[in-house]
Protein backbone atom coordinates (compact mmCIF):
# COMPACT_ATOMS: atom_id res chain seq x y z
CA GLY A 1 10.59 119.64 53.53
CA THR A 2 11.47 116.09 52.68
CA GLU A 3 10.83 114.66 49.24
CA LEU A 4 9.00 111.37 49.37
CA PRO A 5 11.02 108.75 47.45
CA GLY A 6 8.90 106.63 45.13
CA ALA A 7 5.82 108.85 45.32
CA ASN A 8 3.54 107.93 42.42
CA ALA A 9 0.07 109.24 43.30
CA TRP A 10 -1.62 111.97 45.30
CA SER A 11 -5.02 113.58 45.65
CA ILE A 12 -6.47 116.59 47.43
CA SER A 13 -10.14 117.30 47.98
CA ILE A 14 -11.64 120.53 49.34
CA GLU A 15 -15.10 120.24 50.87
CA SER A 16 -17.63 122.85 52.01
CA ASP A 17 -20.42 122.06 54.47
CA ALA A 18 -23.89 122.87 53.15
CA ILE A 19 -26.17 124.16 55.91
CA GLU A 20 -29.80 123.67 54.99
CA TYR A 21 -32.38 126.24 56.01
CA SER A 22 -35.94 127.04 55.05
CA LYS A 23 -38.77 129.35 55.97
CA PHE A 24 -42.55 129.12 55.79
CA GLY A 25 -43.78 129.05 52.21
CA ASP A 26 -40.56 127.71 50.68
CA THR A 27 -40.98 124.89 48.18
CA TRP A 28 -37.24 124.43 47.59
CA LYS A 29 -34.43 123.78 50.02
CA ASN A 30 -32.00 126.62 50.63
CA ASN A 31 -28.39 126.21 51.71
CA LEU A 32 -25.69 128.36 53.20
CA VAL A 33 -22.00 127.70 52.70
CA GLY A 34 -20.57 126.43 55.98
CA LEU A 35 -17.08 125.52 57.10
CA LYS A 36 -14.50 124.30 54.62
CA GLY A 37 -12.22 121.30 55.06
CA TRP A 38 -9.70 119.36 53.06
CA SER A 39 -8.31 115.87 52.85
CA GLY A 40 -6.42 113.63 50.50
CA SER A 41 -3.97 110.81 50.07
CA ILE A 42 -0.43 110.06 48.94
CA GLY A 43 0.70 106.81 47.38
CA ALA A 44 4.29 105.65 47.01
CA LEU A 45 6.48 102.64 46.60
CA HIS A 46 7.64 101.24 49.93
CA ASP A 47 10.87 102.81 51.21
CA GLN A 48 12.18 100.95 54.26
CA ALA A 49 14.88 103.53 54.98
CA ALA A 50 12.78 106.70 54.80
CA LYS A 51 9.51 105.70 56.55
CA ILE A 52 8.26 109.25 55.89
CA LEU A 53 4.56 108.40 55.63
CA GLN A 54 4.70 105.95 58.53
CA ASN A 55 6.40 108.56 60.72
CA ALA A 56 3.79 111.18 59.79
CA ALA A 57 1.02 108.76 60.82
CA THR A 58 2.61 107.91 64.16
CA ALA A 59 3.44 111.52 65.04
CA THR A 60 1.63 112.94 68.04
CA ILE A 61 1.33 116.37 66.41
CA VAL A 62 0.03 117.63 63.07
CA THR A 63 2.51 117.40 60.21
CA ALA A 64 3.35 120.16 57.73
CA LEU A 65 2.49 119.11 54.17
CA LEU A 66 3.68 120.53 50.85
CA ILE A 67 2.56 119.01 47.55
CA TYR A 68 4.18 120.19 44.33
CA PRO A 69 2.06 119.13 41.31
CA ASP A 70 5.00 119.84 38.98
CA ARG A 71 8.33 118.74 40.43
CA THR A 72 10.24 120.89 37.91
CA THR A 73 9.14 124.10 39.65
CA ASN A 74 8.68 125.15 43.25
CA ALA A 75 6.40 128.06 42.32
CA THR A 76 3.15 126.06 42.38
CA TYR A 77 2.17 124.03 45.42
CA TYR A 78 -0.40 123.23 48.10
CA SER A 79 0.55 123.75 51.73
CA GLY A 80 -1.07 123.14 55.09
CA ASN A 81 -0.95 121.04 58.23
CA ALA A 82 -2.44 117.57 58.26
CA ILE A 83 -3.13 114.51 60.40
CA PHE A 84 -2.04 111.29 58.69
CA SER A 85 -3.02 107.63 58.68
CA PHE A 86 -0.90 104.95 57.02
CA SER A 87 -1.21 101.59 55.32
CA SER A 88 1.18 99.33 53.46
CA GLU A 89 0.28 96.56 51.06
CA ALA A 90 1.88 93.98 48.83
CA SER A 91 0.93 91.20 46.49
CA MET A 92 2.84 88.62 44.49
CA ASP A 93 2.30 90.52 41.23
CA ASN A 94 3.03 94.05 42.41
CA ALA A 95 5.68 96.10 44.19
CA VAL A 96 5.20 96.83 47.88
CA GLY A 97 3.25 100.06 48.18
CA GLN A 98 2.29 102.45 50.90
CA THR A 99 -0.59 104.87 51.20
CA ALA A 100 -1.20 107.72 53.59
CA ASP A 101 -4.59 109.35 53.91
CA PHE A 102 -4.63 112.77 55.51
CA THR A 103 -7.12 115.23 56.96
CA GLY A 104 -6.31 118.92 56.93
CA ASP A 105 -5.94 120.88 60.14
CA GLY A 106 -6.83 124.49 59.31
CA THR A 107 -6.36 126.20 55.97
CA LEU A 108 -5.08 124.62 52.76
CA THR A 109 -3.15 127.25 50.84
CA PRO A 110 -2.81 126.86 47.06
CA THR A 111 0.14 128.98 45.84
CA GLY A 112 1.05 129.90 42.28
CA PHE A 113 -2.09 128.63 40.56
CA ALA A 114 -3.43 130.96 37.87
């Protein structure tokens, strides 16, 4: 993997589809757990040399993703494949930043979490 220079924010969200069903006589909605999905975002200071997030967004294939919540250990992390989008922004009173939103492709694997 490649460490993202200047990374300063990330998020991951795991969603489950709720499939509503009912039968005659029910007075409350019932739901089944459907397919799961995941998505998130990464924020970082702009790095002209690396262009890691920009390259992930312009790739024509899914990109492997590893997120380590604690950079002092490699025993706890999230891993999976994702499809990225990218944006960059700046203002007069802030450093140039970049953000990449991603949508998971397949399973998100949390490793090392108790």
